[in-house]
Amino acid sequence: QAWLLLAAVVVAAGFEQAVLALLPVYGTHYGIAEARMSA
């Protein structure tokens, strides 16, 4: 009955968790300090 709403939830959750976990890793590629990535 609401497959698109549920797909949106999957995307929102996956995006948030992936960014929190992997954005610091992404920053190291550019030589950005951990403190700046945390900020």
Full PDB file with SEQRES, HELIX, SHEET, SSBOND, CRYST1, ORIGX, SCALE, CONECT and MASTER records, all heavy atoms in Angstrom:
SEQRES   1 A   39  GLN ALA TRP LEU LEU LEU ALA ALA VAL VAL VAL ALA ALA          
SEQRES   2 A   39  GLY PHE GLU GLN ALA VAL LEU ALA LEU LEU PRO VAL TYR          
SEQRES   3 A   39  GLY THR HIS TYR GLY ILE ALA GLU ALA ARG MET SER ALA          
HELIX    1 AA1 TRP A    3  HIS A   29  1                                  27    
HELIX    2 AA2 GLU A   34  SER A   38  1                                   5    
CRYST1    1.000    1.000    1.000  90.00  90.00  90.00 P 1           1          
ORIGX1      1.000000  0.000000  0.000000        0.00000                         
ORIGX2      0.000000  1.000000  0.000000        0.00000                         
ORIGX3      0.000000  0.000000  1.000000        0.00000                         
SCALE1      1.000000  0.000000  0.000000        0.00000                         
SCALE2      0.000000  1.000000  0.000000        0.00000                         
SCALE3      0.000000  0.000000  1.000000        0.00000                         
ATOM      1  N   GLN A   1       0.811  -1.211   0.000  1.00  0.00           N  
ATOM      2  CA  GLN A   1       0.000   0.000   0.000  1.00  0.00           C  
ATOM      3  C   GLN A   1       0.851   1.272   0.000  1.00  0.00           C  
ATOM      4  O   GLN A   1       0.349   2.345  -0.352  1.00  0.00           O  
ATOM      5  CB  GLN A   1      -0.917   0.016   1.230  1.00  0.00           C  
ATOM      6  CG  GLN A   1      -1.859  -1.165   1.332  1.00  0.00           C  
ATOM      7  CD  GLN A   1      -2.721  -1.077   2.585  1.00  0.00           C  
ATOM      8  OE1 GLN A   1      -3.304  -0.030   2.882  1.00  0.00           O  
ATOM      9  NE2 GLN A   1      -2.811  -2.174   3.329  1.00  0.00           N  
ATOM     10  N   ALA A   2       2.100   1.162   0.423  1.00  0.00           N  
ATOM     11  CA  ALA A   2       2.928   2.367   0.542  1.00  0.00           C  
ATOM     12  C   ALA A   2       4.389   2.033   0.275  1.00  0.00           C  
ATOM     13  O   ALA A   2       5.273   2.412   1.037  1.00  0.00           O  
ATOM     14  CB  ALA A   2       2.746   2.973   1.931  1.00  0.00           C  
ATOM     15  N   TRP A   3       4.635   1.366  -0.825  1.00  0.00           N  
ATOM     16  CA  TRP A   3       5.999   0.908  -1.109  1.00  0.00           C  
ATOM     17  C   TRP A   3       6.973   2.076  -1.295  1.00  0.00           C  
ATOM     18  O   TRP A   3       8.136   1.992  -0.909  1.00  0.00           O  
ATOM     19  CB  TRP A   3       6.019   0.018  -2.362  1.00  0.00           C  
ATOM     20  CG  TRP A   3       5.526   0.697  -3.615  1.00  0.00           C  
ATOM     21  CD1 TRP A   3       4.254   0.728  -4.098  1.00  0.00           C  
ATOM     22  CD2 TRP A   3       6.310   1.470  -4.532  1.00  0.00           C  
ATOM     23  NE1 TRP A   3       4.189   1.458  -5.255  1.00  0.00           N  
ATOM     24  CE2 TRP A   3       5.441   1.923  -5.555  1.00  0.00           C  
ATOM     25  CE3 TRP A   3       7.657   1.807  -4.609  1.00  0.00           C  
ATOM     26  CZ2 TRP A   3       5.866   2.695  -6.625  1.00  0.00           C  
ATOM     27  CZ3 TRP A   3       8.093   2.592  -5.681  1.00  0.00           C  
ATOM     28  CH2 TRP A   3       7.211   3.023  -6.669  1.00  0.00           C  
ATOM     29  N   LEU A   4       6.477   3.197  -1.847  1.00  0.00           N  
ATOM     30  CA  LEU A   4       7.371   4.339  -2.063  1.00  0.00           C  
ATOM     31  C   LEU A   4       7.759   4.992  -0.734  1.00  0.00           C  
ATOM     32  O   LEU A   4       8.918   5.392  -0.543  1.00  0.00           O  
ATOM     33  CB  LEU A   4       6.707   5.361  -2.982  1.00  0.00           C  
ATOM     34  CG  LEU A   4       7.600   6.538  -3.412  1.00  0.00           C  
ATOM     35  CD1 LEU A   4       8.815   6.039  -4.172  1.00  0.00           C  
ATOM     36  CD2 LEU A   4       6.800   7.522  -4.265  1.00  0.00           C  
ATOM     37  N   LEU A   5       6.806   5.094   0.192  1.00  0.00           N  
ATOM     38  CA  LEU A   5       7.128   5.627   1.514  1.00  0.00           C  
ATOM     39  C   LEU A   5       8.173   4.755   2.204  1.00  0.00           C  
ATOM     40  O   LEU A   5       9.115   5.266   2.819  1.00  0.00           O  
ATOM     41  CB  LEU A   5       5.864   5.685   2.387  1.00  0.00           C  
ATOM     42  CG  LEU A   5       4.871   6.811   2.125  1.00  0.00           C  
ATOM     43  CD1 LEU A   5       3.682   6.674   3.076  1.00  0.00           C  
ATOM     44  CD2 LEU A   5       5.522   8.164   2.278  1.00  0.00           C  
ATOM     45  N   LEU A   6       8.012   3.449   2.100  1.00  0.00           N  
ATOM     46  CA  LEU A   6       8.958   2.538   2.744  1.00  0.00           C  
ATOM     47  C   LEU A   6      10.330   2.615   2.076  1.00  0.00           C  
ATOM     48  O   LEU A   6      11.362   2.535   2.758  1.00  0.00           O  
ATOM     49  CB  LEU A   6       8.406   1.108   2.700  1.00  0.00           C  
ATOM     50  CG  LEU A   6       7.100   0.902   3.474  1.00  0.00           C  
ATOM     51  CD1 LEU A   6       6.587  -0.517   3.286  1.00  0.00           C  
ATOM     52  CD2 LEU A   6       7.281   1.211   4.954  1.00  0.00           C  
ATOM     53  N   ALA A   7      10.354   2.781   0.759  1.00  0.00           N  
ATOM     54  CA  ALA A   7      11.634   2.955   0.062  1.00  0.00           C  
ATOM     55  C   ALA A   7      12.326   4.226   0.530  1.00  0.00           C  
ATOM     56  O   ALA A   7      13.553   4.268   0.700  1.00  0.00           O  
ATOM     57  CB  ALA A   7      11.410   2.987  -1.449  1.00  0.00           C  
ATOM     58  N   ALA A   8      11.539   5.285   0.770  1.00  0.00           N  
ATOM     59  CA  ALA A   8      12.113   6.542   1.253  1.00  0.00           C  
ATOM     60  C   ALA A   8      12.739   6.360   2.628  1.00  0.00           C  
ATOM     61  O   ALA A   8      13.792   6.944   2.923  1.00  0.00           O  
ATOM     62  CB  ALA A   8      11.029   7.617   1.301  1.00  0.00           C  
ATOM     63  N   VAL A   9      12.105   5.551   3.477  1.00  0.00           N  
ATOM     64  CA  VAL A   9      12.656   5.287   4.813  1.00  0.00           C  
ATOM     65  C   VAL A   9      13.982   4.542   4.705  1.00  0.00           C  
ATOM     66  O   VAL A   9      14.943   4.849   5.415  1.00  0.00           O  
ATOM     67  CB  VAL A   9      11.648   4.497   5.666  1.00  0.00           C  
ATOM     68  CG1 VAL A   9      12.275   4.082   6.993  1.00  0.00           C  
ATOM     69  CG2 VAL A   9      10.394   5.327   5.924  1.00  0.00           C  
ATOM     70  N   VAL A  10      14.050   3.560   3.823  1.00  0.00           N  
ATOM     71  CA  VAL A  10      15.299   2.819   3.612  1.00  0.00           C  
ATOM     72  C   VAL A  10      16.410   3.776   3.183  1.00  0.00           C  
ATOM     73  O   VAL A  10      17.536   3.723   3.695  1.00  0.00           O  
ATOM     74  CB  VAL A  10      15.110   1.713   2.549  1.00  0.00           C  
ATOM     75  CG1 VAL A  10      16.450   1.074   2.185  1.00  0.00           C  
ATOM     76  CG2 VAL A  10      14.164   0.632   3.066  1.00  0.00           C  
ATOM     77  N   VAL A  11      16.095   4.663   2.257  1.00  0.00           N  
ATOM     78  CA  VAL A  11      17.095   5.623   1.760  1.00  0.00           C  
ATOM     79  C   VAL A  11      17.534   6.569   2.870  1.00  0.00           C  
ATOM     80  O   VAL A  11      18.735   6.808   3.065  1.00  0.00           O  
ATOM     81  CB  VAL A  11      16.537   6.408   0.562  1.00  0.00           C  
ATOM     82  CG1 VAL A  11      17.465   7.567   0.190  1.00  0.00           C  
ATOM     83  CG2 VAL A  11      16.352   5.481  -0.640  1.00  0.00           C  
ATOM     84  N   ALA A  12      16.575   7.120   3.628  1.00  0.00           N  
ATOM     85  CA  ALA A  12      16.913   8.070   4.697  1.00  0.00           C  
ATOM     86  C   ALA A  12      17.786   7.409   5.762  1.00  0.00           C  
ATOM     87  O   ALA A  12      18.792   7.980   6.207  1.00  0.00           O  
ATOM     88  CB  ALA A  12      15.635   8.619   5.330  1.00  0.00           C  
ATOM     89  N   ALA A  13      17.412   6.196   6.163  1.00  0.00           N  
ATOM     90  CA  ALA A  13      18.183   5.491   7.194  1.00  0.00           C  
ATOM     91  C   ALA A  13      19.565   5.122   6.682  1.00  0.00           C  
ATOM     92  O   ALA A  13      20.575   5.330   7.373  1.00  0.00           O  
ATOM     93  CB  ALA A  13      17.442   4.231   7.627  1.00  0.00           C  
ATOM     94  N   GLY A  14      19.623   4.565   5.481  1.00  0.00           N  
ATOM     95  CA  GLY A  14      20.903   4.152   4.927  1.00  0.00           C  
ATOM     96  C   GLY A  14      21.836   5.330   4.714  1.00  0.00           C  
ATOM     97  O   GLY A  14      23.037   5.244   4.984  1.00  0.00           O  
ATOM     98  N   PHE A  15      21.272   6.449   4.246  1.00  0.00           N  
ATOM     99  CA  PHE A  15      22.086   7.650   4.031  1.00  0.00           C  
ATOM    100  C   PHE A  15      22.685   8.125   5.345  1.00  0.00           C  
ATOM    101  O   PHE A  15      23.895   8.388   5.435  1.00  0.00           O  
ATOM    102  CB  PHE A  15      21.224   8.746   3.405  1.00  0.00           C  
ATOM    103  CG  PHE A  15      21.990   9.993   3.068  1.00  0.00           C  
ATOM    104  CD1 PHE A  15      22.515  10.182   1.812  1.00  0.00           C  
ATOM    105  CD2 PHE A  15      22.197  10.981   4.024  1.00  0.00           C  
ATOM    106  CE1 PHE A  15      23.233  11.324   1.491  1.00  0.00           C  
ATOM    107  CE2 PHE A  15      22.906  12.127   3.724  1.00  0.00           C  
ATOM    108  CZ  PHE A  15      23.429  12.298   2.451  1.00  0.00           C  
ATOM    109  N   GLU A  16      21.848   8.251   6.372  1.00  0.00           N  
ATOM    110  CA  GLU A  16      22.332   8.760   7.655  1.00  0.00           C  
ATOM    111  C   GLU A  16      23.432   7.874   8.233  1.00  0.00           C  
ATOM    112  O   GLU A  16      24.499   8.357   8.638  1.00  0.00           O  
ATOM    113  CB  GLU A  16      21.179   8.865   8.653  1.00  0.00           C  
ATOM    114  CG  GLU A  16      21.615   9.359  10.028  1.00  0.00           C  
ATOM    115  CD  GLU A  16      20.466   9.428  11.002  1.00  0.00           C  
ATOM    116  OE1 GLU A  16      19.977   8.367  11.429  1.00  0.00           O  
ATOM    117  OE2 GLU A  16      20.063  10.545  11.357  1.00  0.00           O  
ATOM    118  N   GLN A  17      23.195   6.561   8.255  1.00  0.00           N  
ATOM    119  CA  GLN A  17      24.167   5.650   8.853  1.00  0.00           C  
ATOM    120  C   GLN A  17      25.457   5.593   8.034  1.00  0.00           C  
ATOM    121  O   GLN A  17      26.554   5.516   8.607  1.00  0.00           O  
ATOM    122  CB  GLN A  17      23.553   4.241   8.982  1.00  0.00           C  
ATOM    123  CG  GLN A  17      22.349   4.176   9.896  1.00  0.00           C  
ATOM    124  CD  GLN A  17      22.669   4.633  11.300  1.00  0.00           C  
ATOM    125  OE1 GLN A  17      23.681   4.246  11.871  1.00  0.00           O  
ATOM    126  NE2 GLN A  17      21.811   5.461  11.871  1.00  0.00           N  
ATOM    127  N   ALA A  18      25.339   5.625   6.721  1.00  0.00           N  
ATOM    128  CA  ALA A  18      26.530   5.566   5.875  1.00  0.00           C  
ATOM    129  C   ALA A  18      27.383   6.823   6.040  1.00  0.00           C  
ATOM    130  O   ALA A  18      28.613   6.746   6.123  1.00  0.00           O  
ATOM    131  CB  ALA A  18      26.126   5.384   4.408  1.00  0.00           C  
ATOM    132  N   VAL A  19      26.740   7.983   6.088  1.00  0.00           N  
ATOM    133  CA  VAL A  19      27.503   9.227   6.239  1.00  0.00           C  
ATOM    134  C   VAL A  19      28.180   9.290   7.603  1.00  0.00           C  
ATOM    135  O   VAL A  19      29.362   9.651   7.704  1.00  0.00           O  
ATOM    136  CB  VAL A  19      26.579  10.446   6.022  1.00  0.00           C  
ATOM    137  CG1 VAL A  19      27.280  11.727   6.445  1.00  0.00           C  
ATOM    138  CG2 VAL A  19      26.174  10.540   4.559  1.00  0.00           C  
ATOM    139  N   LEU A  20      27.462   8.928   8.662  1.00  0.00           N  
ATOM    140  CA  LEU A  20      28.058   8.963   9.996  1.00  0.00           C  
ATOM    141  C   LEU A  20      29.264   8.037  10.089  1.00  0.00           C  
ATOM    142  O   LEU A  20      30.267   8.340  10.738  1.00  0.00           O  
ATOM    143  CB  LEU A  20      27.021   8.575  11.051  1.00  0.00           C  
ATOM    144  CG  LEU A  20      25.916   9.606  11.315  1.00  0.00           C  
ATOM    145  CD1 LEU A  20      24.887   9.038  12.284  1.00  0.00           C  
ATOM    146  CD2 LEU A  20      26.492  10.912  11.855  1.00  0.00           C  
ATOM    147  N   ALA A  21      29.170   6.879   9.423  1.00  0.00           N  
ATOM    148  CA  ALA A  21      30.244   5.896   9.517  1.00  0.00           C  
ATOM    149  C   ALA A  21      31.399   6.176   8.554  1.00  0.00           C  
ATOM    150  O   ALA A  21      32.559   5.922   8.884  1.00  0.00           O  
ATOM    151  CB  ALA A  21      29.680   4.488   9.245  1.00  0.00           C  
ATOM    152  N   LEU A  22      31.094   6.708   7.378  1.00  0.00           N  
ATOM    153  CA  LEU A  22      32.094   6.730   6.310  1.00  0.00           C  
ATOM    154  C   LEU A  22      32.560   8.126   5.890  1.00  0.00           C  
ATOM    155  O   LEU A  22      33.561   8.237   5.172  1.00  0.00           O  
ATOM    156  CB  LEU A  22      31.537   5.991   5.080  1.00  0.00           C  
ATOM    157  CG  LEU A  22      31.258   4.501   5.306  1.00  0.00           C  
ATOM    158  CD1 LEU A  22      30.525   3.904   4.111  1.00  0.00           C  
ATOM    159  CD2 LEU A  22      32.544   3.745   5.572  1.00  0.00           C  
ATOM    160  N   LEU A  23      31.871   9.191   6.302  1.00  0.00           N  
ATOM    161  CA  LEU A  23      32.356  10.516   5.942  1.00  0.00           C  
ATOM    162  C   LEU A  23      33.754  10.793   6.509  1.00  0.00           C  
ATOM    163  O   LEU A  23      34.594  11.381   5.815  1.00  0.00           O  
ATOM    164  CB  LEU A  23      31.373  11.594   6.400  1.00  0.00           C  
ATOM    165  CG  LEU A  23      31.670  13.018   5.878  1.00  0.00           C  
ATOM    166  CD1 LEU A  23      31.614  13.065   4.356  1.00  0.00           C  
ATOM    167  CD2 LEU A  23      30.681  14.032   6.480  1.00  0.00           C  
ATOM    168  N   PRO A  24      34.065  10.377   7.747  1.00  0.00           N  
ATOM    169  CA  PRO A  24      35.451  10.544   8.226  1.00  0.00           C  
ATOM    170  C   PRO A  24      36.474   9.817   7.356  1.00  0.00           C  
ATOM    171  O   PRO A  24      37.582  10.320   7.123  1.00  0.00           O  
ATOM    172  CB  PRO A  24      35.408   9.954   9.636  1.00  0.00           C  
ATOM    173  CG  PRO A  24      33.988  10.109  10.067  1.00  0.00           C  
ATOM    174  CD  PRO A  24      33.184   9.867   8.822  1.00  0.00           C  
ATOM    175  N   VAL A  25      36.091   8.626   6.865  1.00  0.00           N  
ATOM    176  CA  VAL A  25      36.977   7.876   5.968  1.00  0.00           C  
ATOM    177  C   VAL A  25      37.158   8.646   4.663  1.00  0.00           C  
ATOM    178  O   VAL A  25      38.267   8.726   4.116  1.00  0.00           O  
ATOM    179  CB  VAL A  25      36.400   6.471   5.691  1.00  0.00           C  
ATOM    180  CG1 VAL A  25      37.296   5.696   4.737  1.00  0.00           C  
ATOM    181  CG2 VAL A  25      36.221   5.699   7.001  1.00  0.00           C  
ATOM    182  N   TYR A  26      36.071   9.218   4.158  1.00  0.00           N  
ATOM    183  CA  TYR A  26      36.126  10.025   2.938  1.00  0.00           C  
ATOM    184  C   TYR A  26      37.090  11.201   3.110  1.00  0.00           C  
ATOM    185  O   TYR A  26      37.877  11.519   2.219  1.00  0.00           O  
ATOM    186  CB  TYR A  26      34.720  10.523   2.610  1.00  0.00           C  
ATOM    187  CG  TYR A  26      34.621  11.356   1.355  1.00  0.00           C  
ATOM    188  CD1 TYR A  26      34.478  10.747   0.114  1.00  0.00           C  
ATOM    189  CD2 TYR A  26      34.647  12.743   1.416  1.00  0.00           C  
ATOM    190  CE1 TYR A  26      34.379  11.509  -1.047  1.00  0.00           C  
ATOM    191  CE2 TYR A  26      34.542  13.512   0.267  1.00  0.00           C  
ATOM    192  CZ  TYR A  26      34.412  12.883  -0.966  1.00  0.00           C  
ATOM    193  OH  TYR A  26      34.315  13.640  -2.111  1.00  0.00           O  
ATOM    194  N   GLY A  27      37.038  11.842   4.292  1.00  0.00           N  
ATOM    195  CA  GLY A  27      37.892  12.993   4.545  1.00  0.00           C  
ATOM    196  C   GLY A  27      39.369  12.666   4.540  1.00  0.00           C  
ATOM    197  O   GLY A  27      40.202  13.499   4.127  1.00  0.00           O  
ATOM    198  N   THR A  28      39.731  11.453   4.983  1.00  0.00           N  
ATOM    199  CA  THR A  28      41.148  11.086   5.006  1.00  0.00           C  
ATOM    200  C   THR A  28      41.738  11.042   3.606  1.00  0.00           C  
ATOM    201  O   THR A  28      42.940  11.243   3.422  1.00  0.00           O  
ATOM    202  CB  THR A  28      41.345   9.718   5.692  1.00  0.00           C  
ATOM    203  OG1 THR A  28      40.636   8.706   4.962  1.00  0.00           O  
ATOM    204  CG2 THR A  28      40.847   9.752   7.129  1.00  0.00           C  
ATOM    205  N   HIS A  29      40.907  10.776   2.599  1.00  0.00           N  
ATOM    206  CA  HIS A  29      41.380  10.754   1.207  1.00  0.00           C  
ATOM    207  C   HIS A  29      41.926  12.123   0.804  1.00  0.00           C  
ATOM    208  O   HIS A  29      42.848  12.214  -0.017  1.00  0.00           O  
ATOM    209  CB  HIS A  29      40.236  10.333   0.285  1.00  0.00           C  
ATOM    210  CG  HIS A  29      40.567  10.430  -1.178  1.00  0.00           C  
ATOM    211  ND1 HIS A  29      41.350   9.499  -1.830  1.00  0.00           N  
ATOM    212  CD2 HIS A  29      40.226  11.367  -2.113  1.00  0.00           C  
ATOM    213  CE1 HIS A  29      41.477   9.843  -3.102  1.00  0.00           C  
ATOM    214  NE2 HIS A  29      40.800  10.965  -3.301  1.00  0.00           N  
ATOM    215  N   TYR A  30      41.355  13.170   1.393  1.00  0.00           N  
ATOM    216  CA  TYR A  30      41.780  14.533   1.081  1.00  0.00           C  
ATOM    217  C   TYR A  30      42.759  15.072   2.121  1.00  0.00           C  
ATOM    218  O   TYR A  30      43.113  16.262   2.089  1.00  0.00           O  
ATOM    219  CB  TYR A  30      40.556  15.446   0.997  1.00  0.00           C  
ATOM    220  CG  TYR A  30      39.659  15.145  -0.178  1.00  0.00           C  
ATOM    221  CD1 TYR A  30      38.609  14.238  -0.057  1.00  0.00           C  
ATOM    222  CD2 TYR A  30      39.857  15.742  -1.427  1.00  0.00           C  
ATOM    223  CE1 TYR A  30      37.773  13.949  -1.133  1.00  0.00           C  
ATOM    224  CE2 TYR A  30      39.032  15.459  -2.499  1.00  0.00           C  
ATOM    225  CZ  TYR A  30      37.999  14.559  -2.347  1.00  0.00           C  
ATOM    226  OH  TYR A  30      37.177  14.269  -3.419  1.00  0.00           O  
ATOM    227  N   GLY A  31      43.176  14.231   3.037  1.00  0.00           N  
ATOM    228  CA  GLY A  31      44.110  14.645   4.063  1.00  0.00           C  
ATOM    229  C   GLY A  31      43.518  15.596   5.091  1.00  0.00           C  
ATOM    230  O   GLY A  31      44.225  16.388   5.714  1.00  0.00           O  
ATOM    231  N   ILE A  32      42.198  15.512   5.286  1.00  0.00           N  
ATOM    232  CA  ILE A  32      41.520  16.399   6.231  1.00  0.00           C  
ATOM    233  C   ILE A  32      41.643  15.823   7.641  1.00  0.00           C  
ATOM    234  O   ILE A  32      41.428  14.631   7.855  1.00  0.00           O  
ATOM    235  CB  ILE A  32      40.044  16.586   5.841  1.00  0.00           C  
ATOM    236  CG1 ILE A  32      39.962  17.257   4.460  1.00  0.00           C  
ATOM    237  CG2 ILE A  32      39.294  17.413   6.877  1.00  0.00           C  
ATOM    238  CD1 ILE A  32      38.562  17.344   3.906  1.00  0.00           C  
ATOM    239  N   ALA A  33      41.959  16.659   8.604  1.00  0.00           N  
ATOM    240  CA  ALA A  33      42.159  16.213   9.983  1.00  0.00           C  
ATOM    241  C   ALA A  33      40.870  15.648  10.570  1.00  0.00           C  
ATOM    242  O   ALA A  33      39.761  16.065  10.206  1.00  0.00           O  
ATOM    243  CB  ALA A  33      42.654  17.373  10.841  1.00  0.00           C  
ATOM    244  N   GLU A  34      41.040  14.700  11.506  1.00  0.00           N  
ATOM    245  CA  GLU A  34      39.885  14.074  12.147  1.00  0.00           C  
ATOM    246  C   GLU A  34      39.016  15.107  12.860  1.00  0.00           C  
ATOM    247  O   GLU A  34      37.780  15.015  12.844  1.00  0.00           O  
ATOM    248  CB  GLU A  34      40.345  13.003  13.138  1.00  0.00           C  
ATOM    249  CG  GLU A  34      40.953  11.778  12.485  1.00  0.00           C  
ATOM    250  CD  GLU A  34      41.342  10.728  13.511  1.00  0.00           C  
ATOM    251  OE1 GLU A  34      41.045  10.932  14.709  1.00  0.00           O  
ATOM    252  OE2 GLU A  34      41.921   9.697  13.121  1.00  0.00           O  
ATOM    253  N   ALA A  35      39.650  16.097  13.498  1.00  0.00           N  
ATOM    254  CA  ALA A  35      38.887  17.107  14.228  1.00  0.00           C  
ATOM    255  C   ALA A  35      37.965  17.879  13.288  1.00  0.00           C  
ATOM    256  O   ALA A  35      36.808  18.176  13.621  1.00  0.00           O  
ATOM    257  CB  ALA A  35      39.832  18.062  14.943  1.00  0.00           C  
ATOM    258  N   ARG A  36      38.474  18.200  12.090  1.00  0.00           N  
ATOM    259  CA  ARG A  36      37.643  18.944  11.131  1.00  0.00           C  
ATOM    260  C   ARG A  36      36.498  18.081  10.617  1.00  0.00           C  
ATOM    261  O   ARG A  36      35.366  18.570  10.462  1.00  0.00           O  
ATOM    262  CB  ARG A  36      38.495  19.426   9.956  1.00  0.00           C  
ATOM    263  CG  ARG A  36      37.753  20.363   8.991  1.00  0.00           C  
ATOM    264  CD  ARG A  36      38.723  21.015   8.012  1.00  0.00           C  
ATOM    265  NE  ARG A  36      38.070  22.053   7.226  1.00  0.00           N  
ATOM    266  CZ  ARG A  36      37.575  21.858   6.004  1.00  0.00           C  
ATOM    267  NH1 ARG A  36      37.675  20.677   5.438  1.00  0.00           N  
ATOM    268  NH2 ARG A  36      37.006  22.862   5.348  1.00  0.00           N  
ATOM    269  N   MET A  37      36.754  16.790  10.379  1.00  0.00           N  
ATOM    270  CA  MET A  37      35.689  15.908   9.916  1.00  0.00           C  
ATOM    271  C   MET A  37      34.636  15.713  11.002  1.00  0.00           C  
ATOM    272  O   MET A  37      33.435  15.647  10.707  1.00  0.00           O  
ATOM    273  CB  MET A  37      36.273  14.558   9.481  1.00  0.00           C  
ATOM    274  CG  MET A  37      37.151  14.631   8.238  1.00  0.00           C  
ATOM    275  SD  MET A  37      36.386  15.495   6.827  1.00  0.00           S  
ATOM    276  CE  MET A  37      34.917  14.499   6.559  1.00  0.00           C  
ATOM    277  N   SER A  38      35.077  15.634  12.254  1.00  0.00           N  
ATOM    278  CA  SER A  38      34.114  15.526  13.352  1.00  0.00           C  
ATOM    279  C   SER A  38      33.246  16.781  13.418  1.00  0.00           C  
ATOM    280  O   SER A  38      32.028  16.702  13.654  1.00  0.00           O  
ATOM    281  CB  SER A  38      34.842  15.324  14.683  1.00  0.00           C  
ATOM    282  OG  SER A  38      35.542  14.100  14.687  1.00  0.00           O  
ATOM    283  N   ALA A  39      33.872  17.932  13.202  1.00  0.00           N  
ATOM    284  CA  ALA A  39      33.120  19.190  13.208  1.00  0.00           C  
ATOM    285  C   ALA A  39      32.124  19.236  12.052  1.00  0.00           C  
ATOM    286  O   ALA A  39      31.001  19.740  12.205  1.00  0.00           O  
ATOM    287  CB  ALA A  39      34.077  20.371  13.131  1.00  0.00           C  
TER     288      ALA A  39                                                      
MASTER        0    0    0    2    0    0    0    6  287    1    0    3          
END                                                                             
